[in-house]
Amino acid sequence: PCATGEYQRAAVLAGCAGDSGSVSFALHRDQPAYVASFPAGASDVRISVSVDASFDLKLMDDLTGTCLIGKNCANSTACPLESSYCITVHGMRFYFSGDDASAPAVEMVAVQGQLSRPLSFIVWAAVAATGTANYSYGVHSP
């Protein structure tokens, strides 16, 4: 539980042992929804988000607050194959499915290996909507 004045920012907070699952969330119009946060050292992070409206999945660098991957971010181009991990940032290799402008929409980001810094996934939509995030990650190594 959170102490007074604290709150859980993301629906998924990574533990040390690795995990997988699914979480549902609500999107409010033009408001970011923090779906998942992972610490440096988490490995093989994978998240696939589906929403009943057009949306944008963004991977944020928790140290700098900058958007690393997603529409209108430093890296917005889709990788050609899920196995290609065509984006490299801060020594980490990523796969990005690309922006899906349809509705319902599905977007995915995967990391090959260990995170070198803490990262969060946020979802943004221009309309109120509901979504589901399927996630998995491996054992945390400091």
N, C-alpha and C. Protein backbone atom coordinates (compact mmCIF):
# COMPACT_ATOMS: atom_id res chain seq x y z
N PRO A 1 0.83 -1.20 0.00
CA PRO A 1 0.00 0.00 0.00
C PRO A 1 0.87 1.26 0.00
N CYS A 2 0.31 2.31 -0.53
CA CYS A 2 1.02 3.59 -0.60
C CYS A 2 0.83 4.36 0.70
N ALA A 3 1.87 5.10 1.08
CA ALA A 3 1.79 5.95 2.26
C ALA A 3 0.98 7.19 1.91
N THR A 4 0.61 7.95 2.94
CA THR A 4 -0.13 9.18 2.73
C THR A 4 0.66 10.09 1.79
N GLY A 5 0.00 10.62 0.79
CA GLY A 5 0.66 11.50 -0.17
C GLY A 5 1.33 10.77 -1.32
N GLU A 6 1.35 9.43 -1.29
CA GLU A 6 1.92 8.64 -2.37
C GLU A 6 0.80 7.96 -3.14
N TYR A 7 1.07 7.65 -4.39
CA TYR A 7 0.09 6.92 -5.18
C TYR A 7 0.81 6.08 -6.22
N GLN A 8 0.13 5.06 -6.67
CA GLN A 8 0.69 4.20 -7.71
C GLN A 8 0.42 4.85 -9.06
N ARG A 9 1.47 5.20 -9.78
CA ARG A 9 1.33 5.93 -11.04
C ARG A 9 0.90 5.02 -12.18
N ALA A 10 1.44 3.80 -12.25
CA ALA A 10 1.19 2.91 -13.39
C ALA A 10 0.38 1.70 -12.95
N ALA A 11 -0.38 1.14 -13.88
CA ALA A 11 -1.16 -0.05 -13.59
C ALA A 11 -0.27 -1.26 -13.34
N VAL A 12 0.89 -1.33 -14.02
CA VAL A 12 1.84 -2.43 -13.85
C VAL A 12 3.14 -1.86 -13.30
N LEU A 13 3.56 -2.37 -12.15
CA LEU A 13 4.85 -2.03 -11.57
C LEU A 13 5.67 -3.31 -11.49
N ALA A 14 6.82 -3.32 -12.13
CA ALA A 14 7.63 -4.53 -12.23
C ALA A 14 8.24 -4.92 -10.90
N GLY A 15 8.19 -6.21 -10.60
CA GLY A 15 8.87 -6.76 -9.45
C GLY A 15 10.21 -7.35 -9.87
N CYS A 16 10.87 -8.07 -8.98
CA CYS A 16 12.21 -8.59 -9.26
C CYS A 16 12.21 -9.95 -9.94
N ALA A 17 11.14 -10.72 -9.81
CA ALA A 17 11.15 -12.11 -10.26
C ALA A 17 10.71 -12.30 -11.71
N GLY A 18 10.27 -11.25 -12.38
CA GLY A 18 9.71 -11.42 -13.71
C GLY A 18 8.24 -11.78 -13.60
N ASP A 19 7.47 -11.47 -14.62
CA ASP A 19 6.04 -11.72 -14.55
C ASP A 19 5.44 -11.53 -15.95
N SER A 20 4.20 -11.92 -16.08
CA SER A 20 3.43 -11.64 -17.29
C SER A 20 1.98 -11.54 -16.89
N GLY A 21 1.20 -10.87 -17.70
CA GLY A 21 -0.21 -10.74 -17.39
C GLY A 21 -0.89 -9.76 -18.30
N SER A 22 -2.06 -9.35 -17.85
CA SER A 22 -2.89 -8.44 -18.62
C SER A 22 -3.57 -7.48 -17.65
N VAL A 23 -3.69 -6.24 -18.04
CA VAL A 23 -4.35 -5.25 -17.20
C VAL A 23 -5.23 -4.37 -18.08
N SER A 24 -6.43 -4.07 -17.59
CA SER A 24 -7.35 -3.18 -18.31
C SER A 24 -7.23 -1.79 -17.71
N PHE A 25 -7.48 -0.78 -18.53
CA PHE A 25 -7.37 0.59 -18.05
C PHE A 25 -8.34 1.48 -18.82
N ALA A 26 -8.65 2.63 -18.22
CA ALA A 26 -9.51 3.63 -18.87
C ALA A 26 -8.65 4.79 -19.34
N LEU A 27 -8.99 5.30 -20.50
CA LEU A 27 -8.33 6.49 -21.04
C LEU A 27 -9.32 7.65 -20.98
N HIS A 28 -8.84 8.77 -20.49
CA HIS A 28 -9.64 9.99 -20.48
C HIS A 28 -9.17 10.86 -21.64
N ARG A 29 -10.07 11.59 -22.20
CA ARG A 29 -9.77 12.41 -23.38
C ARG A 29 -8.56 13.32 -23.14
N ASP A 30 -7.57 13.22 -24.03
CA ASP A 30 -6.36 14.06 -24.00
C ASP A 30 -5.61 14.02 -22.68
N GLN A 31 -5.66 12.88 -21.99
CA GLN A 31 -4.94 12.70 -20.73
C GLN A 31 -4.05 11.46 -20.85
N PRO A 32 -2.79 11.53 -20.42
CA PRO A 32 -1.94 10.34 -20.49
C PRO A 32 -2.35 9.32 -19.43
N ALA A 33 -2.27 8.06 -19.78
CA ALA A 33 -2.49 6.96 -18.83
C ALA A 33 -1.18 6.20 -18.70
N TYR A 34 -0.63 6.16 -17.50
CA TYR A 34 0.60 5.40 -17.27
C TYR A 34 0.23 3.94 -17.12
N VAL A 35 0.66 3.13 -18.09
CA VAL A 35 0.26 1.72 -18.12
C VAL A 35 1.25 0.84 -17.38
N ALA A 36 2.55 1.08 -17.55
CA ALA A 36 3.55 0.22 -16.92
C ALA A 36 4.84 0.98 -16.69
N SER A 37 5.53 0.66 -15.59
CA SER A 37 6.84 1.22 -15.27
C SER A 37 7.79 0.08 -14.95
N PHE A 38 9.01 0.18 -15.49
CA PHE A 38 10.01 -0.86 -15.29
C PHE A 38 11.32 -0.22 -14.84
N PRO A 39 11.99 -0.79 -13.82
CA PRO A 39 13.25 -0.23 -13.34
C PRO A 39 14.42 -0.64 -14.24
N ALA A 40 15.51 0.09 -14.14
CA ALA A 40 16.74 -0.34 -14.78
C ALA A 40 17.06 -1.73 -14.25
N GLY A 41 17.49 -2.62 -15.12
CA GLY A 41 17.80 -3.99 -14.73
C GLY A 41 16.72 -4.98 -15.10
N ALA A 42 15.49 -4.51 -15.34
CA ALA A 42 14.43 -5.43 -15.82
C ALA A 42 14.86 -5.94 -17.20
N SER A 43 14.46 -7.15 -17.53
CA SER A 43 14.91 -7.73 -18.80
C SER A 43 13.76 -8.18 -19.68
N ASP A 44 14.02 -8.16 -20.97
CA ASP A 44 13.11 -8.67 -21.99
C ASP A 44 11.67 -8.18 -21.80
N VAL A 45 11.54 -6.88 -21.61
CA VAL A 45 10.24 -6.25 -21.43
C VAL A 45 9.48 -6.27 -22.75
N ARG A 46 8.21 -6.60 -22.66
CA ARG A 46 7.35 -6.65 -23.86
C ARG A 46 5.96 -6.19 -23.44
N ILE A 47 5.41 -5.23 -24.20
CA ILE A 47 4.06 -4.77 -23.90
C ILE A 47 3.30 -4.55 -25.20
N SER A 48 2.09 -5.08 -25.23
CA SER A 48 1.20 -4.92 -26.38
C SER A 48 -0.08 -4.30 -25.85
N VAL A 49 -0.47 -3.18 -26.44
CA VAL A 49 -1.64 -2.44 -25.96
C VAL A 49 -2.69 -2.42 -27.05
N SER A 50 -3.92 -2.74 -26.67
CA SER A 50 -5.06 -2.63 -27.59
C SER A 50 -6.09 -1.71 -26.96
N VAL A 51 -6.64 -0.82 -27.79
CA VAL A 51 -7.61 0.18 -27.32
C VAL A 51 -8.75 0.22 -28.32
N ASP A 52 -9.96 0.49 -27.83
CA ASP A 52 -11.13 0.51 -28.70
C ASP A 52 -11.27 1.82 -29.48
N ALA A 53 -10.20 2.58 -29.57
CA ALA A 53 -10.15 3.83 -30.34
C ALA A 53 -8.72 4.02 -30.82
N SER A 54 -8.52 4.98 -31.69
CA SER A 54 -7.15 5.31 -32.11
C SER A 54 -6.41 5.89 -30.91
N PHE A 55 -5.15 5.50 -30.72
CA PHE A 55 -4.37 5.94 -29.57
C PHE A 55 -2.89 5.97 -29.94
N ASP A 56 -2.08 6.45 -29.02
CA ASP A 56 -0.63 6.45 -29.19
C ASP A 56 0.03 5.84 -27.97
N LEU A 57 0.87 4.82 -28.19
CA LEU A 57 1.69 4.22 -27.14
C LEU A 57 3.04 4.92 -27.18
N LYS A 58 3.51 5.36 -26.03
CA LYS A 58 4.79 6.06 -25.96
C LYS A 58 5.65 5.44 -24.87
N LEU A 59 6.93 5.24 -25.20
CA LEU A 59 7.90 4.74 -24.24
C LEU A 59 8.70 5.94 -23.73
N MET A 60 8.61 6.19 -22.42
CA MET A 60 9.22 7.37 -21.82
C MET A 60 10.45 7.00 -21.01
N ASP A 61 11.47 7.84 -21.09
CA ASP A 61 12.68 7.71 -20.28
C ASP A 61 12.38 8.39 -18.94
N ASP A 62 12.35 7.61 -17.86
CA ASP A 62 12.01 8.18 -16.55
C ASP A 62 13.09 9.11 -16.01
N LEU A 63 14.32 8.99 -16.49
CA LEU A 63 15.39 9.86 -16.00
C LEU A 63 15.34 11.26 -16.62
N THR A 64 14.94 11.34 -17.88
CA THR A 64 14.94 12.63 -18.58
C THR A 64 13.54 13.15 -18.89
N GLY A 65 12.53 12.28 -18.84
CA GLY A 65 11.17 12.67 -19.19
C GLY A 65 10.94 12.76 -20.68
N THR A 66 11.89 12.32 -21.49
CA THR A 66 11.74 12.39 -22.94
C THR A 66 11.07 11.14 -23.49
N CYS A 67 10.40 11.31 -24.60
CA CYS A 67 9.75 10.20 -25.27
C CYS A 67 10.76 9.54 -26.20
N LEU A 68 11.05 8.28 -25.96
CA LEU A 68 12.04 7.55 -26.75
C LEU A 68 11.44 6.91 -27.99
N ILE A 69 10.24 6.32 -27.84
CA ILE A 69 9.62 5.58 -28.94
C ILE A 69 8.13 5.87 -28.97
N GLY A 70 7.59 6.09 -30.16
CA GLY A 70 6.17 6.32 -30.35
C GLY A 70 5.95 7.46 -31.32
N LYS A 71 4.70 7.72 -31.62
CA LYS A 71 4.36 8.80 -32.54
C LYS A 71 4.87 10.14 -32.02
N ASN A 72 5.52 10.91 -32.88
CA ASN A 72 6.09 12.22 -32.55
C ASN A 72 7.17 12.15 -31.47
N CYS A 73 7.85 11.01 -31.36
CA CYS A 73 8.94 10.83 -30.40
C CYS A 73 10.27 10.76 -31.15
N ALA A 74 11.36 10.61 -30.41
CA ALA A 74 12.69 10.51 -31.02
C ALA A 74 12.76 9.39 -32.05
N ASN A 75 12.06 8.29 -31.80
CA ASN A 75 12.00 7.15 -32.72
C ASN A 75 10.54 6.81 -32.97
N SER A 76 10.08 7.01 -34.20
CA SER A 76 8.67 6.78 -34.49
C SER A 76 8.44 5.81 -35.64
N THR A 77 9.52 5.31 -36.23
CA THR A 77 9.41 4.42 -37.37
C THR A 77 9.25 2.97 -36.91
N ALA A 78 8.33 2.26 -37.53
CA ALA A 78 8.09 0.85 -37.20
C ALA A 78 9.27 -0.01 -37.65
N CYS A 79 9.54 -1.06 -36.89
CA CYS A 79 10.54 -2.05 -37.29
C CYS A 79 9.89 -2.99 -38.31
N PRO A 80 10.64 -3.48 -39.29
CA PRO A 80 10.04 -4.33 -40.33
C PRO A 80 9.59 -5.69 -39.82
N LEU A 81 10.31 -6.25 -38.86
CA LEU A 81 9.97 -7.57 -38.30
C LEU A 81 10.05 -7.51 -36.79
N GLU A 82 9.21 -8.29 -36.12
CA GLU A 82 9.23 -8.30 -34.66
C GLU A 82 10.58 -8.75 -34.12
N SER A 83 11.29 -9.58 -34.87
CA SER A 83 12.59 -10.09 -34.42
C SER A 83 13.75 -9.13 -34.75
N SER A 84 13.48 -8.01 -35.41
CA SER A 84 14.57 -7.15 -35.88
C SER A 84 15.15 -6.22 -34.81
N TYR A 85 14.37 -5.81 -33.83
CA TYR A 85 14.86 -4.88 -32.81
C TYR A 85 15.68 -3.77 -33.48
N CYS A 86 15.03 -2.99 -34.32
CA CYS A 86 15.70 -2.05 -35.22
C CYS A 86 16.02 -0.70 -34.59
N ILE A 87 15.62 -0.47 -33.35
CA ILE A 87 15.87 0.82 -32.70
C ILE A 87 16.85 0.60 -31.55
N THR A 88 17.90 1.41 -31.48
CA THR A 88 18.85 1.34 -30.37
C THR A 88 18.91 2.71 -29.69
N VAL A 89 18.68 2.71 -28.37
CA VAL A 89 18.72 3.93 -27.57
C VAL A 89 19.39 3.60 -26.25
N HIS A 90 20.37 4.39 -25.85
CA HIS A 90 21.09 4.20 -24.58
C HIS A 90 21.58 2.76 -24.42
N GLY A 91 22.03 2.15 -25.52
CA GLY A 91 22.55 0.79 -25.49
C GLY A 91 21.49 -0.29 -25.43
N MET A 92 20.21 0.08 -25.46
CA MET A 92 19.11 -0.90 -25.42
C MET A 92 18.55 -1.06 -26.83
N ARG A 93 18.17 -2.30 -27.17
CA ARG A 93 17.60 -2.57 -28.49
C ARG A 93 16.10 -2.80 -28.37
N PHE A 94 15.32 -2.11 -29.24
CA PHE A 94 13.87 -2.12 -29.17
C PHE A 94 13.24 -2.56 -30.48
N TYR A 95 12.07 -3.17 -30.35
CA TYR A 95 11.16 -3.38 -31.48
C TYR A 95 9.97 -2.47 -31.25
N PHE A 96 9.49 -1.81 -32.31
CA PHE A 96 8.28 -0.99 -32.25
C PHE A 96 7.41 -1.37 -33.43
N SER A 97 6.15 -1.68 -33.16
CA SER A 97 5.22 -2.09 -34.21
C SER A 97 4.82 -0.94 -35.12
N GLY A 98 4.96 0.28 -34.63
CA GLY A 98 4.55 1.46 -35.39
C GLY A 98 3.21 1.97 -34.92
N ASP A 99 2.87 3.15 -35.38
CA ASP A 99 1.62 3.80 -35.01
C ASP A 99 0.47 3.16 -35.77
N ASP A 100 -0.53 2.68 -35.05
CA ASP A 100 -1.73 2.09 -35.66
C ASP A 100 -2.85 3.12 -35.52
N ALA A 101 -3.20 3.76 -36.61
CA ALA A 101 -4.21 4.84 -36.58
C ALA A 101 -5.64 4.33 -36.70
N SER A 102 -5.83 3.03 -36.82
CA SER A 102 -7.18 2.48 -36.94
C SER A 102 -7.85 2.41 -35.57
N ALA A 103 -9.11 2.05 -35.56
CA ALA A 103 -9.84 1.82 -34.31
C ALA A 103 -10.72 0.60 -34.50
N PRO A 104 -10.61 -0.43 -33.70
CA PRO A 104 -9.66 -0.57 -32.59
C PRO A 104 -8.23 -0.69 -33.09
N ALA A 105 -7.28 -0.33 -32.22
CA ALA A 105 -5.88 -0.29 -32.59
C ALA A 105 -5.04 -1.15 -31.64
N VAL A 106 -3.90 -1.64 -32.16
CA VAL A 106 -2.95 -2.41 -31.36
C VAL A 106 -1.55 -1.89 -31.67
N GLU A 107 -0.77 -1.61 -30.63
CA GLU A 107 0.63 -1.21 -30.78
C GLU A 107 1.47 -1.99 -29.78
N MET A 108 2.74 -2.25 -30.15
CA MET A 108 3.61 -3.05 -29.30
C MET A 108 5.03 -2.49 -29.28
N VAL A 109 5.67 -2.60 -28.11
CA VAL A 109 7.10 -2.31 -27.95
C VAL A 109 7.70 -3.48 -27.19
N ALA A 110 8.89 -3.92 -27.63
CA ALA A 110 9.62 -4.99 -26.94
C ALA A 110 11.07 -4.57 -26.81
N VAL A 111 11.71 -4.99 -25.73
CA VAL A 111 13.11 -4.69 -25.47
C VAL A 111 13.89 -6.00 -25.46
N GLN A 112 15.00 -6.03 -26.17
CA GLN A 112 15.85 -7.22 -26.16
C GLN A 112 16.91 -7.04 -25.08
N GLY A 113 16.88 -7.91 -24.07
CA GLY A 113 17.88 -7.83 -23.00
C GLY A 113 17.45 -6.92 -21.87
N GLN A 114 18.46 -6.40 -21.18
CA GLN A 114 18.26 -5.67 -19.93
C GLN A 114 18.10 -4.16 -20.16
N LEU A 115 17.23 -3.54 -19.35
CA LEU A 115 17.06 -2.09 -19.40
C LEU A 115 18.25 -1.41 -18.72
N SER A 116 18.79 -0.38 -19.35
CA SER A 116 19.91 0.36 -18.76
C SER A 116 19.43 1.55 -17.93
N ARG A 117 18.14 1.83 -17.99
CA ARG A 117 17.56 2.94 -17.23
C ARG A 117 16.07 2.67 -17.03
N PRO A 118 15.42 3.32 -16.05
CA PRO A 118 13.99 3.10 -15.83
C PRO A 118 13.16 3.68 -16.97
N LEU A 119 12.14 2.93 -17.38
CA LEU A 119 11.28 3.32 -18.49
C LEU A 119 9.81 3.14 -18.11
N SER A 120 8.96 3.98 -18.68
CA SER A 120 7.51 3.87 -18.47
C SER A 120 6.80 3.90 -19.81
N PHE A 121 5.68 3.20 -19.87
CA PHE A 121 4.83 3.18 -21.05
C PHE A 121 3.59 3.99 -20.74
N ILE A 122 3.29 4.97 -21.60
CA ILE A 122 2.06 5.73 -21.44
C ILE A 122 1.22 5.59 -22.70
N VAL A 123 -0.07 5.76 -22.53
CA VAL A 123 -1.02 5.70 -23.64
C VAL A 123 -1.79 7.01 -23.65
N TRP A 124 -2.02 7.52 -24.85
CA TRP A 124 -2.68 8.81 -25.02
C TRP A 124 -3.74 8.66 -26.11
N ALA A 125 -4.95 9.17 -25.87
CA ALA A 125 -6.01 9.13 -26.88
C ALA A 125 -6.74 10.46 -26.91
N ALA A 126 -7.26 10.81 -28.07
CA ALA A 126 -8.00 12.07 -28.22
C ALA A 126 -9.43 11.95 -27.73
N VAL A 127 -9.88 10.72 -27.47
CA VAL A 127 -11.24 10.48 -26.98
C VAL A 127 -11.18 9.54 -25.78
N ALA A 128 -12.21 9.54 -24.97
CA ALA A 128 -12.30 8.58 -23.86
C ALA A 128 -12.42 7.18 -24.45
N ALA A 129 -11.71 6.23 -23.86
CA ALA A 129 -11.70 4.86 -24.39
C ALA A 129 -11.27 3.90 -23.30
N THR A 130 -11.36 2.61 -23.60
CA THR A 130 -10.85 1.58 -22.69
C THR A 130 -9.80 0.77 -23.44
N GLY A 131 -8.86 0.24 -22.68
CA GLY A 131 -7.78 -0.52 -23.30
C GLY A 131 -7.33 -1.67 -22.45
N THR A 132 -6.51 -2.52 -23.05
CA THR A 132 -5.90 -3.66 -22.37
C THR A 132 -4.43 -3.70 -22.72
N ALA A 133 -3.60 -3.93 -21.72
CA ALA A 133 -2.16 -4.09 -21.94
C ALA A 133 -1.77 -5.51 -21.56
N ASN A 134 -1.17 -6.22 -22.49
CA ASN A 134 -0.58 -7.53 -22.22
C ASN A 134 0.92 -7.31 -22.08
N TYR A 135 1.49 -7.80 -20.99
CA TYR A 135 2.89 -7.51 -20.72
C TYR A 135 3.63 -8.76 -20.24
N SER A 136 4.94 -8.71 -20.41
CA SER A 136 5.82 -9.73 -19.84
C SER A 136 7.19 -9.10 -19.65
N TYR A 137 7.92 -9.62 -18.67
CA TYR A 137 9.30 -9.18 -18.45
C TYR A 137 10.01 -10.27 -17.66
N GLY A 138 11.33 -10.28 -17.81
CA GLY A 138 12.15 -11.30 -17.16
C GLY A 138 12.68 -10.84 -15.82
N VAL A 139 13.54 -11.64 -15.26
CA VAL A 139 14.13 -11.40 -13.95
C VAL A 139 14.92 -10.09 -13.95
N HIS A 140 14.81 -9.36 -12.85
CA HIS A 140 15.52 -8.10 -12.67
C HIS A 140 16.93 -8.38 -12.17
N SER A 141 17.92 -7.78 -12.83
CA SER A 141 19.31 -7.89 -12.41
C SER A 141 19.87 -6.50 -12.20
N PRO A 142 20.25 -6.18 -10.96
CA PRO A 142 20.75 -4.81 -10.69
C PRO A 142 22.05 -4.52 -11.41
